[in-house]
Amino acid sequence: MQVAPPVIDPILEPRREAREQAEAAPAPRASIDPARARLAACAQLSQSDPASAIAEGARWLVEDGGAEAEQCLGLGYAADGQWDQARGAFLRAAESLTADDVRRPALLGQAANAALAGGDAAAARTALDAVLAYPGLDAGERGEALLDRARALVALGDGPAAQADLTTAQTLLPNDPLVWLFSATLARRQGEVDAAGDFIDRALELDQNNPAALLEAGNIAIRLNAFDIAREAWTRAAASDPESAEGRAATRNLAQLAAIVSDEANIAVTLPETDNSGEDEDEDPPAN
């Protein structure tokens, strides 16, 4: 008997705070200019006290702090979950720079991430199109932008375009687990389960304890009715980071899977036994 899989809570957008913070806050060094040092301090402050970072950005803007002040403000808003305000600050920072400024693509990328987090995939795509039009991107930067644009395209319902971006990102960022995780998620959504399995295997080779990848591994396994594999993957995801969105989703899926398997067992027990040989059939119908 085949049972319906549990309701899946896919995590298409694993947390990216560490990467965004690294882009925004270079490590202070002796030769760093004062504005960059102040921005680095603001980025660190935003992680512990978003309101103070917002206040710092506002003060800095009054002092005519330019792009760095807007970026500081955006980091504070993003850390506080005020995604529309964060996107606006990052866009203003980018627009205050010349078209060939090397800082512009990173700021547009931050605006795109804020737009995605706020549910505005169309705005994210627009910002990422501008990033990808920049001629000076290196392979890693281009791959990152393609990866984020694929997320926006999935949210907009354009699976083929997202798949094209992810295929290119695979060649540019072959050792980035997120590339393979997103590829696996998209392939599963499109019904390409074998390809999804290959992609998620690669993601787990690169980061075997990533809760988002483990969650997706379970999602793929359940599509194949491989309950034991799904249970193992979701158990590991829940144990890896219980309080994360991925960990909570895995815990819910485990509970749903247990309920469905239990229901299947109960149904199997109550089904009447049948003899396919036909020997138990009445040769003569009972008299009326």
C-alpha atoms as a PDB file:
ATOM      1  CA  MET A   1       0.000   0.000   0.000  1.00  0.00           C
ATOM      2  CA  GLN A   2       1.363   3.426  -0.940  1.00  0.00           C
ATOM      3  CA  VAL A   3       0.690   6.269   1.457  1.00  0.00           C
ATOM      4  CA  ALA A   4       0.634   9.975   0.788  1.00  0.00           C
ATOM      5  CA  PRO A   5       3.786  11.776   1.900  1.00  0.00           C
ATOM      6  CA  PRO A   6       3.574  14.223   4.777  1.00  0.00           C
ATOM      7  CA  VAL A   7       3.094  17.891   4.090  1.00  0.00           C
ATOM      8  CA  ILE A   8       6.497  19.285   3.203  1.00  0.00           C
ATOM      9  CA  ASP A   9       7.679  22.661   4.435  1.00  0.00           C
ATOM     10  CA  PRO A  10      10.430  23.341   1.859  1.00  0.00           C
ATOM     11  CA  ILE A  11      13.203  25.685   2.802  1.00  0.00           C
ATOM     12  CA  LEU A  12      14.230  27.241  -0.473  1.00  0.00           C
ATOM     13  CA  GLU A  13      16.035  30.123   1.189  1.00  0.00           C
ATOM     14  CA  PRO A  14      18.499  28.890   3.821  1.00  0.00           C
ATOM     15  CA  ARG A  15      19.829  31.527   6.164  1.00  0.00           C
ATOM     16  CA  ARG A  16      22.518  33.697   4.608  1.00  0.00           C
ATOM     17  CA  GLU A  17      23.346  36.073   7.460  1.00  0.00           C
ATOM     18  CA  ALA A  18      26.945  34.928   7.752  1.00  0.00           C
ATOM     19  CA  ARG A  19      27.649  35.540   4.078  1.00  0.00           C
ATOM     20  CA  GLU A  20      25.894  38.909   4.051  1.00  0.00           C
ATOM     21  CA  GLN A  21      27.731  40.037   7.177  1.00  0.00           C
ATOM     22  CA  ALA A  22      31.060  38.998   5.693  1.00  0.00           C
ATOM     23  CA  GLU A  23      30.332  41.053   2.583  1.00  0.00           C
ATOM     24  CA  ALA A  24      29.271  44.085   4.578  1.00  0.00           C
ATOM     25  CA  ALA A  25      31.829  44.075   7.359  1.00  0.00           C
ATOM     26  CA  PRO A  26      35.466  43.575   6.328  1.00  0.00           C
ATOM     27  CA  ALA A  27      37.836  42.870   9.165  1.00  0.00           C
ATOM     28  CA  PRO A  28      39.372  46.114  10.437  1.00  0.00           C
ATOM     29  CA  ARG A  29      43.031  46.583   9.601  1.00  0.00           C
ATOM     30  CA  ALA A  30      45.577  49.321  10.108  1.00  0.00           C
ATOM     31  CA  SER A  31      45.219  50.771   6.605  1.00  0.00           C
ATOM     32  CA  ILE A  32      41.432  50.805   6.482  1.00  0.00           C
ATOM     33  CA  ASP A  33      39.879  54.231   5.924  1.00  0.00           C
ATOM     34  CA  PRO A  34      37.727  55.712   8.699  1.00  0.00           C
ATOM     35  CA  ALA A  35      34.438  55.293   6.820  1.00  0.00           C
ATOM     36  CA  ARG A  36      35.039  51.587   6.245  1.00  0.00           C
ATOM     37  CA  ALA A  37      36.088  51.130   9.855  1.00  0.00           C
ATOM     38  CA  ARG A  38      32.907  52.848  11.015  1.00  0.00           C
ATOM     39  CA  LEU A  39      30.840  50.674   8.678  1.00  0.00           C
ATOM     40  CA  ALA A  40      32.485  47.531  10.020  1.00  0.00           C
ATOM     41  CA  ALA A  41      31.649  48.624  13.558  1.00  0.00           C
ATOM     42  CA  CYS A  42      28.057  49.322  12.513  1.00  0.00           C
ATOM     43  CA  ALA A  43      27.750  45.869  10.941  1.00  0.00           C
ATOM     44  CA  GLN A  44      28.914  44.266  14.163  1.00  0.00           C
ATOM     45  CA  LEU A  45      26.547  46.440  16.193  1.00  0.00           C
ATOM     46  CA  SER A  46      23.612  45.464  13.990  1.00  0.00           C
ATOM     47  CA  GLN A  47      24.014  41.831  15.022  1.00  0.00           C
ATOM     48  CA  SER A  48      23.613  42.573  18.721  1.00  0.00           C
ATOM     49  CA  ASP A  49      21.569  45.790  18.786  1.00  0.00           C
ATOM     50  CA  PRO A  50      19.731  46.564  15.537  1.00  0.00           C
ATOM     51  CA  ALA A  51      18.027  49.664  16.961  1.00  0.00           C
ATOM     52  CA  SER A  52      21.376  51.202  17.868  1.00  0.00           C
ATOM     53  CA  ALA A  53      22.704  50.422  14.392  1.00  0.00           C
ATOM     54  CA  ILE A  54      19.686  52.174  12.844  1.00  0.00           C
ATOM     55  CA  ALA A  55      20.299  55.171  15.082  1.00  0.00           C
ATOM     56  CA  GLU A  56      23.982  55.176  14.124  1.00  0.00           C
ATOM     57  CA  GLY A  57      23.090  55.127  10.432  1.00  0.00           C
ATOM     58  CA  ALA A  58      20.662  58.014  10.871  1.00  0.00           C
ATOM     59  CA  ARG A  59      23.264  60.098  12.727  1.00  0.00           C
ATOM     60  CA  TRP A  60      25.828  59.323  10.086  1.00  0.00           C
ATOM     61  CA  LEU A  61      23.482  60.415   7.304  1.00  0.00           C
ATOM     62  CA  VAL A  62      23.037  63.785   9.025  1.00  0.00           C
ATOM     63  CA  GLU A  63      26.829  64.053   8.921  1.00  0.00           C
ATOM     64  CA  ASP A  64      26.686  63.453   5.151  1.00  0.00           C
ATOM     65  CA  GLY A  65      28.074  59.934   5.450  1.00  0.00           C
ATOM     66  CA  GLY A  66      27.046  58.961   1.938  1.00  0.00           C
ATOM     67  CA  ALA A  67      26.879  55.339   0.787  1.00  0.00           C
ATOM     68  CA  GLU A  68      28.477  53.934   3.934  1.00  0.00           C
ATOM     69  CA  ALA A  69      25.895  55.653   6.153  1.00  0.00           C
ATOM     70  CA  GLU A  70      23.030  54.302   4.044  1.00  0.00           C
ATOM     71  CA  GLN A  71      24.573  50.839   4.175  1.00  0.00           C
ATOM     72  CA  CYS A  72      24.878  51.069   7.952  1.00  0.00           C
ATOM     73  CA  LEU A  73      21.216  52.024   8.109  1.00  0.00           C
ATOM     74  CA  GLY A  74      20.303  49.127   5.823  1.00  0.00           C
ATOM     75  CA  LEU A  75      22.187  46.641   7.962  1.00  0.00           C
ATOM     76  CA  GLY A  76      20.326  47.809  11.044  1.00  0.00           C
ATOM     77  CA  TYR A  77      16.962  47.563   9.320  1.00  0.00           C
ATOM     78  CA  ALA A  78      17.791  44.100   7.948  1.00  0.00           C
ATOM     79  CA  ALA A  79      18.863  42.817  11.344  1.00  0.00           C
ATOM     80  CA  ASP A  80      15.575  44.131  12.739  1.00  0.00           C
ATOM     81  CA  GLY A  81      13.525  42.441  10.007  1.00  0.00           C
ATOM     82  CA  GLN A  82      12.399  45.736   8.445  1.00  0.00           C
ATOM     83  CA  TRP A  83      12.985  44.470   4.930  1.00  0.00           C
ATOM     84  CA  ASP A  84      11.386  47.256   2.876  1.00  0.00           C
ATOM     85  CA  GLN A  85      13.363  49.903   4.754  1.00  0.00           C
ATOM     86  CA  ALA A  86      16.541  47.851   4.397  1.00  0.00           C
ATOM     87  CA  ARG A  87      16.046  47.477   0.646  1.00  0.00           C
ATOM     88  CA  GLY A  88      15.486  51.207   0.291  1.00  0.00           C
ATOM     89  CA  ALA A  89      18.638  52.057   2.219  1.00  0.00           C
ATOM     90  CA  PHE A  90      20.785  49.654   0.201  1.00  0.00           C
ATOM     91  CA  LEU A  91      19.352  50.966  -3.069  1.00  0.00           C
ATOM     92  CA  ARG A  92      20.009  54.566  -2.047  1.00  0.00           C
ATOM     93  CA  ALA A  93      23.566  53.593  -1.171  1.00  0.00           C
ATOM     94  CA  ALA A  94      24.065  51.994  -4.585  1.00  0.00           C
ATOM     95  CA  GLU A  95      22.473  54.906  -6.446  1.00  0.00           C
ATOM     96  CA  SER A  96      24.748  57.381  -4.697  1.00  0.00           C
ATOM     97  CA  LEU A  97      27.763  55.754  -6.355  1.00  0.00           C
ATOM     98  CA  THR A  98      28.978  56.043  -9.917  1.00  0.00           C
ATOM     99  CA  ALA A  99      27.987  53.269 -12.308  1.00  0.00           C
ATOM    100  CA  ASP A 100      31.515  51.822 -12.350  1.00  0.00           C
ATOM    101  CA  ASP A 101      32.079  51.882  -8.572  1.00  0.00           C
ATOM    102  CA  VAL A 102      33.176  48.426  -7.404  1.00  0.00           C
ATOM    103  CA  ARG A 103      30.935  48.694  -4.334  1.00  0.00           C
ATOM    104  CA  ARG A 104      27.750  49.059  -6.345  1.00  0.00           C
ATOM    105  CA  PRO A 105      27.093  45.356  -7.177  1.00  0.00           C
ATOM    106  CA  ALA A 106      27.438  44.263  -3.542  1.00  0.00           C
ATOM    107  CA  LEU A 107      24.973  46.930  -2.416  1.00  0.00           C
ATOM    108  CA  LEU A 108      22.486  45.927  -5.112  1.00  0.00           C
ATOM    109  CA  GLY A 109      22.929  42.330  -3.999  1.00  0.00           C
ATOM    110  CA  GLN A 110      22.106  43.298  -0.431  1.00  0.00           C
ATOM    111  CA  ALA A 111      19.025  45.155  -1.668  1.00  0.00           C
ATOM    112  CA  ALA A 112      17.984  42.017  -3.551  1.00  0.00           C
ATOM    113  CA  ASN A 113      18.395  39.830  -0.474  1.00  0.00           C
ATOM    114  CA  ALA A 114      16.311  42.262   1.565  1.00  0.00           C
ATOM    115  CA  ALA A 115      13.635  42.223  -1.141  1.00  0.00           C
ATOM    116  CA  LEU A 116      13.581  38.432  -1.160  1.00  0.00           C
ATOM    117  CA  ALA A 117      13.328  38.288   2.617  1.00  0.00           C
ATOM    118  CA  GLY A 118      10.441  40.762   2.442  1.00  0.00           C
ATOM    119  CA  GLY A 119       8.604  38.738  -0.201  1.00  0.00           C
ATOM    120  CA  ASP A 120       9.182  41.103  -3.134  1.00  0.00           C
ATOM    121  CA  ALA A 121      10.713  38.744  -5.683  1.00  0.00           C
ATOM    122  CA  ALA A 122      10.127  41.115  -8.600  1.00  0.00           C
ATOM    123  CA  ALA A 123      12.180  43.862  -6.942  1.00  0.00           C
ATOM    124  CA  ALA A 124      14.871  41.316  -6.137  1.00  0.00           C
ATOM    125  CA  ARG A 125      15.062  40.209  -9.747  1.00  0.00           C
ATOM    126  CA  THR A 126      15.383  43.812 -10.948  1.00  0.00           C
ATOM    127  CA  ALA A 127      18.254  44.469  -8.569  1.00  0.00           C
ATOM    128  CA  LEU A 128      20.013  41.230  -9.530  1.00  0.00           C
ATOM    129  CA  ASP A 129      19.624  41.945 -13.244  1.00  0.00           C
ATOM    130  CA  ALA A 130      21.529  45.168 -12.549  1.00  0.00           C
ATOM    131  CA  VAL A 131      24.214  43.267 -10.637  1.00  0.00           C
ATOM    132  CA  LEU A 132      24.691  40.796 -13.485  1.00  0.00           C
ATOM    133  CA  ALA A 133      24.963  43.642 -16.002  1.00  0.00           C
ATOM    134  CA  TYR A 134      28.032  44.945 -14.176  1.00  0.00           C
ATOM    135  CA  PRO A 135      31.100  44.113 -16.330  1.00  0.00           C
ATOM    136  CA  GLY A 136      33.638  43.760 -13.544  1.00  0.00           C
ATOM    137  CA  LEU A 137      32.185  40.776 -11.664  1.00  0.00           C
ATOM    138  CA  ASP A 138      34.506  37.884 -10.950  1.00  0.00           C
ATOM    139  CA  ALA A 139      33.312  34.274 -11.225  1.00  0.00           C
ATOM    140  CA  GLY A 140      32.348  34.053  -7.574  1.00  0.00           C
ATOM    141  CA  GLU A 141      30.364  37.286  -7.597  1.00  0.00           C
ATOM    142  CA  ARG A 142      28.558  36.306 -10.782  1.00  0.00           C
ATOM    143  CA  GLY A 143      27.740  32.896  -9.357  1.00  0.00           C
ATOM    144  CA  GLU A 144      26.346  34.453  -6.174  1.00  0.00           C
ATOM    145  CA  ALA A 145      24.140  36.806  -8.181  1.00  0.00           C
ATOM    146  CA  LEU A 146      22.871  33.959 -10.351  1.00  0.00           C
ATOM    147  CA  LEU A 147      22.128  31.914  -7.257  1.00  0.00           C
ATOM    148  CA  ASP A 148      20.070  34.723  -5.761  1.00  0.00           C
ATOM    149  CA  ARG A 149      18.306  35.464  -9.039  1.00  0.00           C
ATOM    150  CA  ALA A 150      17.318  31.807  -9.245  1.00  0.00           C
ATOM    151  CA  ARG A 151      15.644  32.175  -5.862  1.00  0.00           C
ATOM    152  CA  ALA A 152      13.715  35.185  -7.139  1.00  0.00           C
ATOM    153  CA  LEU A 153      12.733  33.382 -10.333  1.00  0.00           C
ATOM    154  CA  VAL A 154      11.414  30.390  -8.381  1.00  0.00           C
ATOM    155  CA  ALA A 155       9.297  32.739  -6.273  1.00  0.00           C
ATOM    156  CA  LEU A 156       8.014  34.300  -9.500  1.00  0.00           C
ATOM    157  CA  GLY A 157       7.100  30.877 -10.893  1.00  0.00           C
ATOM    158  CA  ASP A 158       9.699  30.826 -13.670  1.00  0.00           C
ATOM    159  CA  GLY A 159      11.284  27.427 -13.101  1.00  0.00           C
ATOM    160  CA  PRO A 160      13.065  27.085 -16.470  1.00  0.00           C
ATOM    161  CA  ALA A 161      14.843  30.438 -16.085  1.00  0.00           C
ATOM    162  CA  ALA A 162      15.797  29.552 -12.505  1.00  0.00           C
ATOM    163  CA  GLN A 163      17.169  26.227 -13.700  1.00  0.00           C
ATOM    164  CA  ALA A 164      19.299  27.979 -16.336  1.00  0.00           C
ATOM    165  CA  ASP A 165      20.767  30.312 -13.700  1.00  0.00           C
ATOM    166  CA  LEU A 166      21.507  27.411 -11.357  1.00  0.00           C
ATOM    167  CA  THR A 167      23.169  25.391 -14.119  1.00  0.00           C
ATOM    168  CA  THR A 168      25.553  28.281 -14.770  1.00  0.00           C
ATOM    169  CA  ALA A 169      26.096  28.809 -11.036  1.00  0.00           C
ATOM    170  CA  GLN A 170      27.123  25.160 -10.712  1.00  0.00           C
ATOM    171  CA  THR A 171      30.072  25.801 -13.012  1.00  0.00           C
ATOM    172  CA  LEU A 172      31.030  29.068 -11.300  1.00  0.00           C
ATOM    173  CA  LEU A 173      30.605  27.877  -7.686  1.00  0.00           C
ATOM    174  CA  PRO A 174      31.136  24.105  -7.821  1.00  0.00           C
ATOM    175  CA  ASN A 175      32.015  23.897  -4.125  1.00  0.00           C
ATOM    176  CA  ASP A 176      29.169  26.004  -2.750  1.00  0.00           C
ATOM    177  CA  PRO A 177      26.609  23.749  -0.993  1.00  0.00           C
ATOM    178  CA  LEU A 178      23.827  26.285  -1.561  1.00  0.00           C
ATOM    179  CA  VAL A 179      24.118  25.929  -5.327  1.00  0.00           C
ATOM    180  CA  TRP A 180      23.482  22.208  -5.113  1.00  0.00           C
ATOM    181  CA  LEU A 181      20.815  22.563  -2.425  1.00  0.00           C
ATOM    182  CA  PHE A 182      18.812  25.026  -4.514  1.00  0.00           C
ATOM    183  CA  SER A 183      19.321  22.841  -7.588  1.00  0.00           C
ATOM    184  CA  ALA A 184      17.962  19.858  -5.656  1.00  0.00           C
ATOM    185  CA  THR A 185      14.957  21.791  -4.366  1.00  0.00           C
ATOM    186  CA  LEU A 186      14.055  23.092  -7.801  1.00  0.00           C
ATOM    187  CA  ALA A 187      14.499  19.673  -9.428  1.00  0.00           C
ATOM    188  CA  ARG A 188      12.204  18.100  -6.811  1.00  0.00           C
ATOM    189  CA  ARG A 189       9.568  20.772  -7.387  1.00  0.00           C
ATOM    190  CA  GLN A 190       9.724  20.106 -11.115  1.00  0.00           C
ATOM    191  CA  GLY A 191       9.307  16.358 -10.579  1.00  0.00           C
ATOM    192  CA  GLU A 192      12.891  15.500 -11.577  1.00  0.00           C
ATOM    193  CA  VAL A 193      13.497  13.342  -8.528  1.00  0.00           C
ATOM    194  CA  ASP A 194      16.557  11.462  -9.827  1.00  0.00           C
ATOM    195  CA  ALA A 195      18.357  14.718 -10.619  1.00  0.00           C
ATOM    196  CA  ALA A 196      17.270  16.108  -7.245  1.00  0.00           C
ATOM    197  CA  GLY A 197      18.862  13.110  -5.537  1.00  0.00           C
ATOM    198  CA  ASP A 198      22.161  13.676  -7.344  1.00  0.00           C
ATOM    199  CA  PHE A 199      22.173  17.359  -6.455  1.00  0.00           C
ATOM    200  CA  ILE A 200      21.387  16.836  -2.777  1.00  0.00           C
ATOM    201  CA  ASP A 201      24.086  14.152  -2.536  1.00  0.00           C
ATOM    202  CA  ARG A 202      26.590  16.736  -3.765  1.00  0.00           C
ATOM    203  CA  ALA A 203      25.314  19.338  -1.285  1.00  0.00           C
ATOM    204  CA  LEU A 204      25.769  16.886   1.586  1.00  0.00           C
ATOM    205  CA  GLU A 205      29.233  15.915   0.376  1.00  0.00           C
ATOM    206  CA  LEU A 206      30.189  19.559   0.799  1.00  0.00           C
ATOM    207  CA  ASP A 207      28.370  20.105   4.109  1.00  0.00           C
ATOM    208  CA  GLN A 208      27.058  16.922   5.682  1.00  0.00           C
ATOM    209  CA  ASN A 209      25.564  18.654   8.726  1.00  0.00           C
ATOM    210  CA  ASN A 210      23.705  21.458   6.943  1.00  0.00           C
ATOM    211  CA  PRO A 211      20.147  21.287   8.347  1.00  0.00           C
ATOM    212  CA  ALA A 212      18.629  22.774   5.183  1.00  0.00           C
ATOM    213  CA  ALA A 213      20.323  20.147   3.007  1.00  0.00           C
ATOM    214  CA  LEU A 214      19.265  17.378   5.388  1.00  0.00           C
ATOM    215  CA  LEU A 215      15.692  18.672   5.337  1.00  0.00           C
ATOM    216  CA  GLU A 216      15.701  18.641   1.554  1.00  0.00           C
ATOM    217  CA  ALA A 217      17.229  15.145   1.492  1.00  0.00           C
ATOM    218  CA  GLY A 218      14.226  13.970   3.470  1.00  0.00           C
ATOM    219  CA  ASN A 219      11.848  15.827   1.173  1.00  0.00           C
ATOM    220  CA  ILE A 220      13.335  14.040  -1.829  1.00  0.00           C
ATOM    221  CA  ALA A 221      13.337  10.642  -0.122  1.00  0.00           C
ATOM    222  CA  ILE A 222       9.668  10.940   0.809  1.00  0.00           C
ATOM    223  CA  ARG A 223       8.807  11.502  -2.847  1.00  0.00           C
ATOM    224  CA  LEU A 224      10.272   8.039  -3.449  1.00  0.00           C
ATOM    225  CA  ASN A 225       8.408   6.553  -0.467  1.00  0.00           C
ATOM    226  CA  ALA A 226      11.824   5.874   1.093  1.00  0.00           C
ATOM    227  CA  PHE A 227      10.492   6.435   4.594  1.00  0.00           C
ATOM    228  CA  ASP A 228      13.549   5.187   6.482  1.00  0.00           C
ATOM    229  CA  ILE A 229      15.879   7.485   4.545  1.00  0.00           C
ATOM    230  CA  ALA A 230      13.513  10.431   5.022  1.00  0.00           C
ATOM    231  CA  ARG A 231      13.227   9.715   8.733  1.00  0.00           C
ATOM    232  CA  GLU A 232      17.013   9.565   9.140  1.00  0.00           C
ATOM    233  CA  ALA A 233      17.583  12.807   7.205  1.00  0.00           C
ATOM    234  CA  TRP A 234      14.888  14.725   9.064  1.00  0.00           C
ATOM    235  CA  THR A 235      16.105  13.388  12.409  1.00  0.00           C
ATOM    236  CA  ARG A 236      19.592  14.667  11.659  1.00  0.00           C
ATOM    237  CA  ALA A 237      18.209  18.031  10.487  1.00  0.00           C
ATOM    238  CA  ALA A 238      16.182  18.432  13.682  1.00  0.00           C
ATOM    239  CA  ALA A 239      19.152  17.496  15.854  1.00  0.00           C
ATOM    240  CA  SER A 240      21.582  19.726  13.955  1.00  0.00           C
ATOM    241  CA  ASP A 241      19.764  22.988  14.725  1.00  0.00           C
ATOM    242  CA  PRO A 242      16.485  22.383  16.596  1.00  0.00           C
ATOM    243  CA  GLU A 243      15.469  26.054  16.857  1.00  0.00           C
ATOM    244  CA  SER A 244      16.118  26.957  13.233  1.00  0.00           C
ATOM    245  CA  ALA A 245      13.358  27.104  10.632  1.00  0.00           C
ATOM    246  CA  GLU A 246      14.851  23.994   9.051  1.00  0.00           C
ATOM    247  CA  GLY A 247      15.010  22.136  12.356  1.00  0.00           C
ATOM    248  CA  ARG A 248      11.414  22.969  13.205  1.00  0.00           C
ATOM    249  CA  ALA A 249      10.237  21.941   9.724  1.00  0.00           C
ATOM    250  CA  ALA A 250      12.066  18.627  10.069  1.00  0.00           C
ATOM    251  CA  THR A 251      10.474  18.024  13.470  1.00  0.00           C
ATOM    252  CA  ARG A 252       7.005  18.666  12.015  1.00  0.00           C
ATOM    253  CA  ASN A 253       7.698  16.350   9.101  1.00  0.00           C
ATOM    254  CA  LEU A 254       8.842  13.596  11.463  1.00  0.00           C
ATOM    255  CA  ALA A 255       5.612  13.875  13.431  1.00  0.00           C
ATOM    256  CA  GLN A 256       3.527  13.760  10.254  1.00  0.00           C
ATOM    257  CA  LEU A 257       5.476  10.799   8.941  1.00  0.00           C
ATOM    258  CA  ALA A 258       5.022   8.899  12.202  1.00  0.00           C
ATOM    259  CA  ALA A 259       1.276   9.541  12.113  1.00  0.00           C
ATOM    260  CA  ILE A 260       0.956   8.367   8.513  1.00  0.00           C
ATOM    261  CA  VAL A 261       3.015   5.221   9.072  1.00  0.00           C
ATOM    262  CA  SER A 262       0.925   4.464  12.156  1.00  0.00           C
ATOM    263  CA  ASP A 263      -2.286   4.936  10.188  1.00  0.00           C
ATOM    264  CA  GLU A 264      -1.002   2.644   7.457  1.00  0.00           C
ATOM    265  CA  ALA A 265      -0.184  -0.046  10.028  1.00  0.00           C
ATOM    266  CA  ASN A 266      -3.637   0.226  11.584  1.00  0.00           C
ATOM    267  CA  ILE A 267      -5.300  -0.085   8.192  1.00  0.00           C
ATOM    268  CA  ALA A 268      -3.196  -3.140   7.362  1.00  0.00           C
ATOM    269  CA  VAL A 269      -4.210  -4.817  10.627  1.00  0.00           C
ATOM    270  CA  THR A 270      -7.941  -4.233  10.097  1.00  0.00           C
ATOM    271  CA  LEU A 271      -8.106  -5.289   6.447  1.00  0.00           C
ATOM    272  CA  PRO A 272      -9.829  -8.690   6.049  1.00  0.00           C
ATOM    273  CA  GLU A 273      -7.616 -11.510   4.920  1.00  0.00           C
ATOM    274  CA  THR A 274      -8.235 -12.740   1.399  1.00  0.00           C
ATOM    275  CA  ASP A 275      -7.300 -15.966  -0.309  1.00  0.00           C
ATOM    276  CA  ASN A 276      -6.341 -15.327  -3.878  1.00  0.00           C
ATOM    277  CA  SER A 277      -6.696 -19.027  -4.750  1.00  0.00           C
ATOM    278  CA  GLY A 278     -10.482 -18.775  -4.652  1.00  0.00           C
ATOM    279  CA  GLU A 279     -10.797 -21.941  -2.594  1.00  0.00           C
ATOM    280  CA  ASP A 280     -12.736 -20.133   0.142  1.00  0.00           C
ATOM    281  CA  GLU A 281     -15.396 -18.827  -2.180  1.00  0.00           C
ATOM    282  CA  ASP A 282     -18.871 -20.298  -1.660  1.00  0.00           C
ATOM    283  CA  GLU A 283     -19.571 -22.875  -4.330  1.00  0.00           C
ATOM    284  CA  ASP A 284     -23.296 -22.533  -3.767  1.00  0.00           C
ATOM    285  CA  PRO A 285     -24.837 -19.199  -2.835  1.00  0.00           C
ATOM    286  CA  PRO A 286     -26.921 -19.258   0.320  1.00  0.00           C
ATOM    287  CA  ALA A 287     -30.611 -19.834  -0.214  1.00  0.00           C
ATOM    288  CA  ASN A 288     -32.816 -16.818  -0.059  1.00  0.00           C
END
